[in-house]
Amino acid sequence: MIRSLSHMLMSGIFIAGGADAFANPGGRTNKVADAGIPQAEQAVELNGAAMVLGGVLLGLDIAPKLAATILIGTLIPTTFVGHPFWKEENEAGRKGQLTHFFKNLGLIGALLDVLAE
């Protein structure tokens, strides 16, 4: 029961964030394009759709290991491309990006626990 609850609680950030990225790629596309990833808008939309899919699967406890694998696959590029704290020139920007960077690393750690279940 605790495992199912943890999966459900973890899924929300992926469903909400993924849906937003899919529906409103916006400024994310600039970071993706700057990273040299082709078809930046489509890449952001695909990553968002994969987050929604993985989040729904994880939240409903359907194929949780597959869901965790999908979500890890979306988080790695999101973390390094979306939150490059080392590129920030001011302290506030660096701290904000660093917080998101470490948050994503924590989520990857939690998803690795799902794979270890």
PDB file of N, CA and C in Angstrom:
ATOM      1  N   MET A   1       0.822  -1.191   0.000  1.00  0.00           N
ATOM      2  CA  MET A   1       0.000   0.000   0.000  1.00  0.00           C
ATOM      3  C   MET A   1       0.870   1.262   0.000  1.00  0.00           C
ATOM      4  N   ILE A   2       1.930   1.272   0.794  1.00  0.00           N
ATOM      5  CA  ILE A   2       2.823   2.432   0.830  1.00  0.00           C
ATOM      6  C   ILE A   2       3.505   2.606  -0.521  1.00  0.00           C
ATOM      7  N   ARG A   3       3.884   1.509  -1.138  1.00  0.00           N
ATOM      8  CA  ARG A   3       4.529   1.577  -2.447  1.00  0.00           C
ATOM      9  C   ARG A   3       3.581   2.207  -3.471  1.00  0.00           C
ATOM     10  N   SER A   4       2.341   1.769  -3.488  1.00  0.00           N
ATOM     11  CA  SER A   4       1.363   2.329  -4.427  1.00  0.00           C
ATOM     12  C   SER A   4       1.134   3.814  -4.164  1.00  0.00           C
ATOM     13  N   LEU A   5       1.050   4.189  -2.905  1.00  0.00           N
ATOM     14  CA  LEU A   5       0.875   5.595  -2.553  1.00  0.00           C
ATOM     15  C   LEU A   5       2.089   6.413  -3.006  1.00  0.00           C
ATOM     16  N   SER A   6       3.287   5.878  -2.801  1.00  0.00           N
ATOM     17  CA  SER A   6       4.489   6.596  -3.212  1.00  0.00           C
ATOM     18  C   SER A   6       4.520   6.774  -4.720  1.00  0.00           C
ATOM     19  N   HIS A   7       4.111   5.764  -5.467  1.00  0.00           N
ATOM     20  CA  HIS A   7       4.057   5.876  -6.930  1.00  0.00           C
ATOM     21  C   HIS A   7       3.052   6.953  -7.345  1.00  0.00           C
ATOM     22  N   MET A   8       1.900   6.954  -6.697  1.00  0.00           N
ATOM     23  CA  MET A   8       0.866   7.929  -7.024  1.00  0.00           C
ATOM     24  C   MET A   8       1.351   9.351  -6.729  1.00  0.00           C
ATOM     25  N   LEU A   9       1.965   9.546  -5.570  1.00  0.00           N
ATOM     26  CA  LEU A   9       2.449  10.877  -5.198  1.00  0.00           C
ATOM     27  C   LEU A   9       3.568  11.350  -6.127  1.00  0.00           C
ATOM     28  N   MET A  10       4.431  10.443  -6.521  1.00  0.00           N
ATOM     29  CA  MET A  10       5.531  10.801  -7.405  1.00  0.00           C
ATOM     30  C   MET A  10       5.040  11.134  -8.810  1.00  0.00           C
ATOM     31  N   SER A  11       3.961  10.533  -9.233  1.00  0.00           N
ATOM     32  CA  SER A  11       3.495  10.681 -10.618  1.00  0.00           C
ATOM     33  C   SER A  11       3.006  12.091 -10.942  1.00  0.00           C
ATOM     34  N   GLY A  12       2.519  12.813  -9.965  1.00  0.00           N
ATOM     35  CA  GLY A  12       1.917  14.118 -10.209  1.00  0.00           C
ATOM     36  C   GLY A  12       2.835  15.110 -10.903  1.00  0.00           C
ATOM     37  N   ILE A  13       4.080  15.176 -10.486  1.00  0.00           N
ATOM     38  CA  ILE A  13       5.009  16.132 -11.084  1.00  0.00           C
ATOM     39  C   ILE A  13       5.261  15.813 -12.554  1.00  0.00           C
ATOM     40  N   PHE A  14       5.260  14.533 -12.890  1.00  0.00           N
ATOM     41  CA  PHE A  14       5.488  14.136 -14.283  1.00  0.00           C
ATOM     42  C   PHE A  14       4.260  14.395 -15.147  1.00  0.00           C
ATOM     43  N   ILE A  15       3.087  14.111 -14.620  1.00  0.00           N
ATOM     44  CA  ILE A  15       1.859  14.331 -15.391  1.00  0.00           C
ATOM     45  C   ILE A  15       1.653  15.826 -15.623  1.00  0.00           C
ATOM     46  N   ALA A  16       1.751  16.617 -14.568  1.00  0.00           N
ATOM     47  CA  ALA A  16       1.524  18.062 -14.702  1.00  0.00           C
ATOM     48  C   ALA A  16       2.617  18.725 -15.545  1.00  0.00           C
ATOM     49  N   GLY A  17       3.864  18.447 -15.232  1.00  0.00           N
ATOM     50  CA  GLY A  17       4.969  19.055 -15.972  1.00  0.00           C
ATOM     51  C   GLY A  17       5.019  18.596 -17.415  1.00  0.00           C
ATOM     52  N   GLY A  18       4.767  17.323 -17.630  1.00  0.00           N
ATOM     53  CA  GLY A  18       4.768  16.786 -18.993  1.00  0.00           C
ATOM     54  C   GLY A  18       3.648  17.358 -19.831  1.00  0.00           C
ATOM     55  N   ALA A  19       2.463  17.477 -19.244  1.00  0.00           N
ATOM     56  CA  ALA A  19       1.330  18.050 -19.974  1.00  0.00           C
ATOM     57  C   ALA A  19       1.604  19.499 -20.346  1.00  0.00           C
ATOM     58  N   ASP A  20       2.225  20.243 -19.438  1.00  0.00           N
ATOM     59  CA  ASP A  20       2.550  21.633 -19.722  1.00  0.00           C
ATOM     60  C   ASP A  20       3.591  21.729 -20.837  1.00  0.00           C
ATOM     61  N   ALA A  21       4.612  20.895 -20.783  1.00  0.00           N
ATOM     62  CA  ALA A  21       5.647  20.913 -21.821  1.00  0.00           C
ATOM     63  C   ALA A  21       5.062  20.530 -23.173  1.00  0.00           C
ATOM     64  N   PHE A  22       4.152  19.566 -23.186  1.00  0.00           N
ATOM     65  CA  PHE A  22       3.541  19.126 -24.441  1.00  0.00           C
ATOM     66  C   PHE A  22       2.651  20.222 -25.025  1.00  0.00           C
ATOM     67  N   ALA A  23       1.831  20.817 -24.185  1.00  0.00           N
ATOM     68  CA  ALA A  23       0.860  21.810 -24.664  1.00  0.00           C
ATOM     69  C   ALA A  23       1.482  23.176 -24.907  1.00  0.00           C
ATOM     70  N   ASN A  24       2.510  23.516 -24.146  1.00  0.00           N
ATOM     71  CA  ASN A  24       3.132  24.851 -24.227  1.00  0.00           C
ATOM     72  C   ASN A  24       4.655  24.728 -24.224  1.00  0.00           C
ATOM     73  N   PRO A  25       5.251  24.257 -25.303  1.00  0.00           N
ATOM     74  CA  PRO A  25       6.709  24.086 -25.302  1.00  0.00           C
ATOM     75  C   PRO A  25       7.458  25.385 -25.023  1.00  0.00           C
ATOM     76  N   GLY A  26       6.940  26.506 -25.510  1.00  0.00           N
ATOM     77  CA  GLY A  26       7.450  27.836 -25.206  1.00  0.00           C
ATOM     78  C   GLY A  26       8.954  27.968 -25.163  1.00  0.00           C
ATOM     79  N   GLY A  27       9.443  28.594 -24.084  1.00  0.00           N
ATOM     80  CA  GLY A  27      10.859  28.879 -23.921  1.00  0.00           C
ATOM     81  C   GLY A  27      11.733  27.648 -23.783  1.00  0.00           C
ATOM     82  N   ARG A  28      11.138  26.520 -23.477  1.00  0.00           N
ATOM     83  CA  ARG A  28      11.934  25.291 -23.367  1.00  0.00           C
ATOM     84  C   ARG A  28      12.646  24.996 -24.688  1.00  0.00           C
ATOM     85  N   THR A  29      11.972  25.329 -25.789  1.00  0.00           N
ATOM     86  CA  THR A  29      12.551  25.015 -27.102  1.00  0.00           C
ATOM     87  C   THR A  29      13.871  25.737 -27.324  1.00  0.00           C
ATOM     88  N   ASN A  30      14.020  26.933 -26.771  1.00  0.00           N
ATOM     89  CA  ASN A  30      15.283  27.660 -26.929  1.00  0.00           C
ATOM     90  C   ASN A  30      16.432  26.917 -26.257  1.00  0.00           C
ATOM     91  N   LYS A  31      16.204  26.431 -25.041  1.00  0.00           N
ATOM     92  CA  LYS A  31      17.253  25.694 -24.339  1.00  0.00           C
ATOM     93  C   LYS A  31      17.611  24.414 -25.087  1.00  0.00           C
ATOM     94  N   VAL A  32      16.580  23.748 -25.603  1.00  0.00           N
ATOM     95  CA  VAL A  32      16.803  22.493 -26.335  1.00  0.00           C
ATOM     96  C   VAL A  32      17.573  22.776 -27.619  1.00  0.00           C
ATOM     97  N   ALA A  33      17.183  23.799 -28.340  1.00  0.00           N
ATOM     98  CA  ALA A  33      17.884  24.167 -29.577  1.00  0.00           C
ATOM     99  C   ALA A  33      19.322  24.575 -29.273  1.00  0.00           C
ATOM    100  N   ASP A  34      19.530  25.349 -28.202  1.00  0.00           N
ATOM    101  CA  ASP A  34      20.876  25.777 -27.815  1.00  0.00           C
ATOM    102  C   ASP A  34      21.768  24.593 -27.452  1.00  0.00           C
ATOM    103  N   ALA A  35      21.144  23.499 -27.016  1.00  0.00           N
ATOM    104  CA  ALA A  35      21.904  22.294 -26.675  1.00  0.00           C
ATOM    105  C   ALA A  35      22.254  21.481 -27.922  1.00  0.00           C
ATOM    106  N   GLY A  36      21.786  21.939 -29.086  1.00  0.00           N
ATOM    107  CA  GLY A  36      22.107  21.255 -30.334  1.00  0.00           C
ATOM    108  C   GLY A  36      21.169  20.119 -30.687  1.00  0.00           C
ATOM    109  N   ILE A  37      20.047  20.049 -30.007  1.00  0.00           N
ATOM    110  CA  ILE A  37      19.078  18.994 -30.288  1.00  0.00           C
ATOM    111  C   ILE A  37      18.197  19.457 -31.444  1.00  0.00           C
ATOM    112  N   PRO A  38      18.135  18.658 -32.523  1.00  0.00           N
ATOM    113  CA  PRO A  38      17.338  19.073 -33.682  1.00  0.00           C
ATOM    114  C   PRO A  38      15.837  19.015 -33.392  1.00  0.00           C
ATOM    115  N   GLN A  39      15.084  19.770 -34.175  1.00  0.00           N
ATOM    116  CA  GLN A  39      13.621  19.820 -34.040  1.00  0.00           C
ATOM    117  C   GLN A  39      13.229  20.019 -32.579  1.00  0.00           C
ATOM    118  N   ALA A  40      13.698  21.127 -32.041  1.00  0.00           N
ATOM    119  CA  ALA A  40      13.570  21.401 -30.606  1.00  0.00           C
ATOM    120  C   ALA A  40      12.130  21.356 -30.119  1.00  0.00           C
ATOM    121  N   GLU A  41      11.216  21.963 -30.849  1.00  0.00           N
ATOM    122  CA  GLU A  41       9.823  21.982 -30.387  1.00  0.00           C
ATOM    123  C   GLU A  41       9.252  20.573 -30.314  1.00  0.00           C
ATOM    124  N   GLN A  42       9.505  19.767 -31.334  1.00  0.00           N
ATOM    125  CA  GLN A  42       9.015  18.384 -31.324  1.00  0.00           C
ATOM    126  C   GLN A  42       9.682  17.571 -30.216  1.00  0.00           C
ATOM    127  N   ALA A  43      10.969  17.855 -29.961  1.00  0.00           N
ATOM    128  CA  ALA A  43      11.671  17.146 -28.886  1.00  0.00           C
ATOM    129  C   ALA A  43      11.043  17.455 -27.530  1.00  0.00           C
ATOM    130  N   VAL A  44      10.707  18.733 -27.306  1.00  0.00           N
ATOM    131  CA  VAL A  44      10.061  19.127 -26.044  1.00  0.00           C
ATOM    132  C   VAL A  44       8.690  18.462 -25.935  1.00  0.00           C
ATOM    133  N   GLU A  45       7.926  18.471 -27.017  1.00  0.00           N
ATOM    134  CA  GLU A  45       6.591  17.859 -26.991  1.00  0.00           C
ATOM    135  C   GLU A  45       6.680  16.353 -26.753  1.00  0.00           C
ATOM    136  N   LEU A  46       7.611  15.684 -27.410  1.00  0.00           N
ATOM    137  CA  LEU A  46       7.780  14.245 -27.220  1.00  0.00           C
ATOM    138  C   LEU A  46       8.196  13.928 -25.790  1.00  0.00           C
ATOM    139  N   ASN A  47       9.130  14.706 -25.251  1.00  0.00           N
ATOM    140  CA  ASN A  47       9.565  14.502 -23.869  1.00  0.00           C
ATOM    141  C   ASN A  47       8.389  14.705 -22.907  1.00  0.00           C
ATOM    142  N   GLY A  48       7.581  15.742 -23.166  1.00  0.00           N
ATOM    143  CA  GLY A  48       6.410  15.986 -22.324  1.00  0.00           C
ATOM    144  C   GLY A  48       5.404  14.847 -22.400  1.00  0.00           C
ATOM    145  N   ALA A  49       5.146  14.364 -23.614  1.00  0.00           N
ATOM    146  CA  ALA A  49       4.202  13.253 -23.785  1.00  0.00           C
ATOM    147  C   ALA A  49       4.710  11.998 -23.078  1.00  0.00           C
ATOM    148  N   ALA A  50       6.011  11.747 -23.169  1.00  0.00           N
ATOM    149  CA  ALA A  50       6.589  10.581 -22.488  1.00  0.00           C
ATOM    150  C   ALA A  50       6.468  10.719 -20.971  1.00  0.00           C
ATOM    151  N   MET A  51       6.620  11.952 -20.463  1.00  0.00           N
ATOM    152  CA  MET A  51       6.449  12.171 -19.024  1.00  0.00           C
ATOM    153  C   MET A  51       5.013  11.883 -18.592  1.00  0.00           C
ATOM    154  N   VAL A  52       4.057  12.332 -19.393  1.00  0.00           N
ATOM    155  CA  VAL A  52       2.651  12.062 -19.068  1.00  0.00           C
ATOM    156  C   VAL A  52       2.401  10.560 -19.076  1.00  0.00           C
ATOM    157  N   LEU A  53       2.844   9.887 -20.124  1.00  0.00           N
ATOM    158  CA  LEU A  53       2.640   8.435 -20.216  1.00  0.00           C
ATOM    159  C   LEU A  53       3.277   7.723 -19.024  1.00  0.00           C
ATOM    160  N   GLY A  54       4.549   8.016 -18.763  1.00  0.00           N
ATOM    161  CA  GLY A  54       5.227   7.374 -17.638  1.00  0.00           C
ATOM    162  C   GLY A  54       4.581   7.716 -16.315  1.00  0.00           C
ATOM    163  N   GLY A  55       4.164   8.965 -16.148  1.00  0.00           N
ATOM    164  CA  GLY A  55       3.505   9.377 -14.907  1.00  0.00           C
ATOM    165  C   GLY A  55       2.178   8.672 -14.684  1.00  0.00           C
ATOM    166  N   VAL A  56       1.399   8.548 -15.745  1.00  0.00           N
ATOM    167  CA  VAL A  56       0.107   7.849 -15.625  1.00  0.00           C
ATOM    168  C   VAL A  56       0.338   6.381 -15.288  1.00  0.00           C
ATOM    169  N   LEU A  57       1.259   5.737 -16.000  1.00  0.00           N
ATOM    170  CA  LEU A  57       1.554   4.329 -15.714  1.00  0.00           C
ATOM    171  C   LEU A  57       2.015   4.149 -14.264  1.00  0.00           C
ATOM    172  N   LEU A  58       2.909   5.038 -13.825  1.00  0.00           N
ATOM    173  CA  LEU A  58       3.419   4.930 -12.454  1.00  0.00           C
ATOM    174  C   LEU A  58       2.311   5.198 -11.441  1.00  0.00           C
ATOM    175  N   GLY A  59       1.520   6.241 -11.675  1.00  0.00           N
ATOM    176  CA  GLY A  59       0.457   6.608 -10.739  1.00  0.00           C
ATOM    177  C   GLY A  59      -0.602   5.534 -10.589  1.00  0.00           C
ATOM    178  N   LEU A  60      -0.882   4.836 -11.691  1.00  0.00           N
ATOM    179  CA  LEU A  60      -1.875   3.754 -11.655  1.00  0.00           C
ATOM    180  C   LEU A  60      -1.247   2.413 -11.293  1.00  0.00           C
ATOM    181  N   ASP A  61       0.070   2.417 -11.068  1.00  0.00           N
ATOM    182  CA  ASP A  61       0.815   1.211 -10.711  1.00  0.00           C
ATOM    183  C   ASP A  61       0.714   0.147 -11.801  1.00  0.00           C
ATOM    184  N   ILE A  62       0.700   0.603 -13.055  1.00  0.00           N
ATOM    185  CA  ILE A  62       0.697  -0.292 -14.211  1.00  0.00           C
ATOM    186  C   ILE A  62       2.118  -0.320 -14.752  1.00  0.00           C
ATOM    187  N   ALA A  63       2.728  -1.472 -14.764  1.00  0.00           N
ATOM    188  CA  ALA A  63       4.099  -1.633 -15.261  1.00  0.00           C
ATOM    189  C   ALA A  63       5.029  -0.569 -14.665  1.00  0.00           C
ATOM    190  N   PRO A  64       5.141  -0.530 -13.336  1.00  0.00           N
ATOM    191  CA  PRO A  64       5.929   0.536 -12.701  1.00  0.00           C
ATOM    192  C   PRO A  64       7.396   0.565 -13.118  1.00  0.00           C
ATOM    193  N   LYS A  65       7.990  -0.581 -13.414  1.00  0.00           N
ATOM    194  CA  LYS A  65       9.392  -0.573 -13.837  1.00  0.00           C
ATOM    195  C   LYS A  65       9.541   0.033 -15.225  1.00  0.00           C
ATOM    196  N   LEU A  66       8.607  -0.259 -16.109  1.00  0.00           N
ATOM    197  CA  LEU A  66       8.606   0.373 -17.424  1.00  0.00           C
ATOM    198  C   LEU A  66       8.401   1.875 -17.272  1.00  0.00           C
ATOM    199  N   ALA A  67       7.449   2.252 -16.417  1.00  0.00           N
ATOM    200  CA  ALA A  67       7.179   3.674 -16.172  1.00  0.00           C
ATOM    201  C   ALA A  67       8.426   4.374 -15.652  1.00  0.00           C
ATOM    202  N   ALA A  68       9.112   3.756 -14.690  1.00  0.00           N
ATOM    203  CA  ALA A  68      10.323   4.358 -14.125  1.00  0.00           C
ATOM    204  C   ALA A  68      11.408   4.498 -15.185  1.00  0.00           C
ATOM    205  N   THR A  69      11.524   3.513 -16.049  1.00  0.00           N
ATOM    206  CA  THR A  69      12.513   3.572 -17.129  1.00  0.00           C
ATOM    207  C   THR A  69      12.209   4.726 -18.072  1.00  0.00           C
ATOM    208  N   ILE A  70      10.948   4.862 -18.457  1.00  0.00           N
ATOM    209  CA  ILE A  70      10.536   5.972 -19.329  1.00  0.00           C
ATOM    210  C   ILE A  70      10.850   7.302 -18.648  1.00  0.00           C
ATOM    211  N   LEU A  71      10.496   7.418 -17.391  1.00  0.00           N
ATOM    212  CA  LEU A  71      10.665   8.684 -16.679  1.00  0.00           C
ATOM    213  C   LEU A  71      12.136   9.031 -16.465  1.00  0.00           C
ATOM    214  N   ILE A  72      12.963   8.053 -16.188  1.00  0.00           N
ATOM    215  CA  ILE A  72      14.403   8.309 -16.082  1.00  0.00           C
ATOM    216  C   ILE A  72      14.919   8.804 -17.431  1.00  0.00           C
ATOM    217  N   GLY A  73      14.436   8.182 -18.503  1.00  0.00           N
ATOM    218  CA  GLY A  73      14.836   8.599 -19.842  1.00  0.00           C
ATOM    219  C   GLY A  73      14.435  10.026 -20.175  1.00  0.00           C
ATOM    220  N   THR A  74      13.348  10.511 -19.584  1.00  0.00           N
ATOM    221  CA  THR A  74      12.944  11.903 -19.817  1.00  0.00           C
ATOM    222  C   THR A  74      13.682  12.857 -18.889  1.00  0.00           C
ATOM    223  N   LEU A  75      13.983  12.399 -17.699  1.00  0.00           N
ATOM    224  CA  LEU A  75      14.608  13.283 -16.704  1.00  0.00           C
ATOM    225  C   LEU A  75      16.072  13.589 -16.974  1.00  0.00           C
ATOM    226  N   ILE A  76      16.782  12.657 -17.549  1.00  0.00           N
ATOM    227  CA  ILE A  76      18.210  12.897 -17.774  1.00  0.00           C
ATOM    228  C   ILE A  76      18.412  14.096 -18.701  1.00  0.00           C
ATOM    229  N   PRO A  77      17.787  14.122 -19.892  1.00  0.00           N
ATOM    230  CA  PRO A  77      17.979  15.326 -20.722  1.00  0.00           C
ATOM    231  C   PRO A  77      17.340  16.568 -20.115  1.00  0.00           C
ATOM    232  N   THR A  78      16.198  16.404 -19.464  1.00  0.00           N
ATOM    233  CA  THR A  78      15.543  17.551 -18.834  1.00  0.00           C
ATOM    234  C   THR A  78      16.446  18.189 -17.783  1.00  0.00           C
ATOM    235  N   THR A  79      17.121  17.372 -17.025  1.00  0.00           N
ATOM    236  CA  THR A  79      17.979  17.863 -15.947  1.00  0.00           C
ATOM    237  C   THR A  79      19.186  18.620 -16.500  1.00  0.00           C
ATOM    238  N   PHE A  80      19.852  18.035 -17.468  1.00  0.00           N
ATOM    239  CA  PHE A  80      21.079  18.655 -17.968  1.00  0.00           C
ATOM    240  C   PHE A  80      20.826  19.786 -18.963  1.00  0.00           C
ATOM    241  N   VAL A  81      19.791  19.661 -19.773  1.00  0.00           N
ATOM    242  CA  VAL A  81      19.489  20.713 -20.747  1.00  0.00           C
ATOM    243  C   VAL A  81      18.632  21.804 -20.117  1.00  0.00           C
ATOM    244  N   GLY A  82      17.688  21.418 -19.279  1.00  0.00           N
ATOM    245  CA  GLY A  82      16.741  22.373 -18.726  1.00  0.00           C
ATOM    246  C   GLY A  82      17.217  23.144 -17.514  1.00  0.00           C
ATOM    247  N   HIS A  83      18.207  22.614 -16.809  1.00  0.00           N
ATOM    248  CA  HIS A  83      18.638  23.254 -15.564  1.00  0.00           C
ATOM    249  C   HIS A  83      20.158  23.377 -15.474  1.00  0.00           C
ATOM    250  N   PRO A  84      20.778  24.023 -16.458  1.00  0.00           N
ATOM    251  CA  PRO A  84      22.238  24.147 -16.459  1.00  0.00           C
ATOM    252  C   PRO A  84      22.713  25.261 -15.519  1.00  0.00           C
ATOM    253  N   PHE A  85      22.740  24.958 -14.255  1.00  0.00           N
ATOM    254  CA  PHE A  85      23.100  25.968 -13.238  1.00  0.00           C
ATOM    255  C   PHE A  85      24.480  26.556 -13.494  1.00  0.00           C
ATOM    256  N   TRP A  86      25.356  25.788 -14.094  1.00  0.00           N
ATOM    257  CA  TRP A  86      26.721  26.235 -14.345  1.00  0.00           C
ATOM    258  C   TRP A  86      26.800  27.345 -15.394  1.00  0.00           C
ATOM    259  N   LYS A  87      25.721  27.539 -16.150  1.00  0.00           N
ATOM    260  CA  LYS A  87      25.700  28.598 -17.161  1.00  0.00           C
ATOM    261  C   LYS A  87      25.115  29.908 -16.634  1.00  0.00           C
ATOM    262  N   GLU A  88      24.521  29.869 -15.470  1.00  0.00           N
ATOM    263  CA  GLU A  88      23.867  31.059 -14.919  1.00  0.00           C
ATOM    264  C   GLU A  88      24.907  32.081 -14.478  1.00  0.00           C
ATOM    265  N   GLU A  89      24.647  33.321 -14.815  1.00  0.00           N
ATOM    266  CA  GLU A  89      25.600  34.376 -14.496  1.00  0.00           C
ATOM    267  C   GLU A  89      25.323  35.064 -13.166  1.00  0.00           C
ATOM    268  N   ASN A  90      24.069  35.022 -12.697  1.00  0.00           N
ATOM    269  CA  ASN A  90      23.790  35.665 -11.408  1.00  0.00           C
ATOM    270  C   ASN A  90      23.473  34.606 -10.353  1.00  0.00           C
ATOM    271  N   GLU A  91      23.685  34.986  -9.128  1.00  0.00           N
ATOM    272  CA  GLU A  91      23.542  34.053  -7.997  1.00  0.00           C
ATOM    273  C   GLU A  91      22.121  33.508  -7.868  1.00  0.00           C
ATOM    274  N   ALA A  92      21.117  34.368  -8.020  1.00  0.00           N
ATOM    275  CA  ALA A  92      19.730  33.920  -7.876  1.00  0.00           C
ATOM    276  C   ALA A  92      19.374  32.898  -8.950  1.00  0.00           C
ATOM    277  N   GLY A  93      19.783  33.165 -10.172  1.00  0.00           N
ATOM    278  CA  GLY A  93      19.518  32.223 -11.257  1.00  0.00           C
ATOM    279  C   GLY A  93      20.223  30.904 -11.038  1.00  0.00           C
ATOM    280  N   ARG A  94      21.463  30.963 -10.593  1.00  0.00           N
ATOM    281  CA  ARG A  94      22.233  29.747 -10.328  1.00  0.00           C
ATOM    282  C   ARG A  94      21.579  28.922  -9.233  1.00  0.00           C
ATOM    283  N   LYS A  95      21.166  29.577  -8.155  1.00  0.00           N
ATOM    284  CA  LYS A  95      20.521  28.848  -7.048  1.00  0.00           C
ATOM    285  C   LYS A  95      19.211  28.208  -7.488  1.00  0.00           C
ATOM    286  N   GLY A  96      18.422  28.934  -8.265  1.00  0.00           N
ATOM    287  CA  GLY A  96      17.153  28.382  -8.748  1.00  0.00           C
ATOM    288  C   GLY A  96      17.363  27.159  -9.623  1.00  0.00           C
ATOM    289  N   GLN A  97      18.301  27.265 -10.560  1.00  0.00           N
ATOM    290  CA  GLN A  97      18.577  26.129 -11.443  1.00  0.00           C
ATOM    291  C   GLN A  97      19.185  24.958 -10.670  1.00  0.00           C
ATOM    292  N   LEU A  98      20.038  25.264  -9.702  1.00  0.00           N
ATOM    293  CA  LEU A  98      20.649  24.212  -8.895  1.00  0.00           C
ATOM    294  C   LEU A  98      19.590  23.461  -8.089  1.00  0.00           C
ATOM    295  N   THR A  99      18.626  24.191  -7.553  1.00  0.00           N
ATOM    296  CA  THR A  99      17.526  23.548  -6.817  1.00  0.00           C
ATOM    297  C   THR A  99      16.777  22.578  -7.719  1.00  0.00           C
ATOM    298  N   HIS A 100      16.426  23.010  -8.925  1.00  0.00           N
ATOM    299  CA  HIS A 100      15.715  22.126  -9.862  1.00  0.00           C
ATOM    300  C   HIS A 100      16.593  20.956 -10.297  1.00  0.00           C
ATOM    301  N   PHE A 101      17.872  21.207 -10.495  1.00  0.00           N
ATOM    302  CA  PHE A 101      18.810  20.157 -10.878  1.00  0.00           C
ATOM    303  C   PHE A 101      18.828  19.056  -9.815  1.00  0.00           C
ATOM    304  N   PHE A 102      18.986  19.468  -8.540  1.00  0.00           N
ATOM    305  CA  PHE A 102      19.030  18.480  -7.459  1.00  0.00           C
ATOM    306  C   PHE A 102      17.672  17.827  -7.222  1.00  0.00           C
ATOM    307  N   LYS A 103      16.583  18.574  -7.430  1.00  0.00           N
ATOM    308  CA  LYS A 103      15.249  17.975  -7.327  1.00  0.00           C
ATOM    309  C   LYS A 103      15.118  16.834  -8.326  1.00  0.00           C
ATOM    310  N   ASN A 104      15.578  17.090  -9.547  1.00  0.00           N
ATOM    311  CA  ASN A 104      15.497  16.050 -10.571  1.00  0.00           C
ATOM    312  C   ASN A 104      16.381  14.856 -10.235  1.00  0.00           C
ATOM    313  N   LEU A 105      17.565  15.116  -9.677  1.00  0.00           N
ATOM    314  CA  LEU A 105      18.409  13.994  -9.252  1.00  0.00           C
ATOM    315  C   LEU A 105      17.706  13.172  -8.172  1.00  0.00           C
ATOM    316  N   GLY A 106      17.004  13.844  -7.264  1.00  0.00           N
ATOM    317  CA  GLY A 106      16.237  13.131  -6.240  1.00  0.00           C
ATOM    318  C   GLY A 106      15.134  12.281  -6.852  1.00  0.00           C
ATOM    319  N   LEU A 107      14.458  12.826  -7.874  1.00  0.00           N
ATOM    320  CA  LEU A 107      13.427  12.053  -8.557  1.00  0.00           C
ATOM    321  C   LEU A 107      14.028  10.842  -9.267  1.00  0.00           C
ATOM    322  N   ILE A 108      15.193  11.035  -9.886  1.00  0.00           N
ATOM    323  CA  ILE A 108      15.863   9.896 -10.521  1.00  0.00           C
ATOM    324  C   ILE A 108      16.187   8.837  -9.471  1.00  0.00           C
ATOM    325  N   GLY A 109      16.644   9.263  -8.299  1.00  0.00           N
ATOM    326  CA  GLY A 109      16.910   8.312  -7.219  1.00  0.00           C
ATOM    327  C   GLY A 109      15.670   7.548  -6.802  1.00  0.00           C
ATOM    328  N   ALA A 110      14.553   8.241  -6.677  1.00  0.00           N
ATOM    329  CA  ALA A 110      13.300   7.581  -6.320  1.00  0.00           C
ATOM    330  C   ALA A 110      12.874   6.598  -7.404  1.00  0.00           C
ATOM    331  N   LEU A 111      13.069   6.976  -8.661  1.00  0.00           N
ATOM    332  CA  LEU A 111      12.711   6.085  -9.769  1.00  0.00           C
ATOM    333  C   LEU A 111      13.641   4.865  -9.822  1.00  0.00           C
ATOM    334  N   LEU A 112      14.909   5.052  -9.436  1.00  0.00           N
ATOM    335  CA  LEU A 112      15.799   3.895  -9.346  1.00  0.00           C
ATOM    336  C   LEU A 112      15.309   2.940  -8.270  1.00  0.00           C
ATOM    337  N   ASP A 113      14.747   3.457  -7.185  1.00  0.00           N
ATOM    338  CA  ASP A 113      14.148   2.595  -6.160  1.00  0.00           C
ATOM    339  C   ASP A 113      12.988   1.783  -6.749  1.00  0.00           C
ATOM    340  N   VAL A 114      12.195   2.412  -7.611  1.00  0.00           N
ATOM    341  CA  VAL A 114      11.096   1.677  -8.260  1.00  0.00           C
ATOM    342  C   VAL A 114      11.687   0.521  -9.076  1.00  0.00           C
ATOM    343  N   LEU A 115      12.763   0.791  -9.785  1.00  0.00           N
ATOM    344  CA  LEU A 115      13.394  -0.285 -10.570  1.00  0.00           C
ATOM    345  C   LEU A 115      13.929  -1.394  -9.675  1.00  0.00           C
ATOM    346  N   ALA A 116      14.333  -1.079  -8.460  1.00  0.00           N
ATOM    347  CA  ALA A 116      14.892  -2.063  -7.542  1.00  0.00           C
ATOM    348  C   ALA A 116      13.826  -2.866  -6.796  1.00  0.00           C
ATOM    349  N   GLU A 117      12.561  -2.441  -6.905  1.00  0.00           N
ATOM    350  CA  GLU A 117      11.486  -3.129  -6.157  1.00  0.00           C
ATOM    351  C   GLU A 117      11.341  -4.562  -6.595  1.00  0.00           C
TER     352      GLU A 117
END
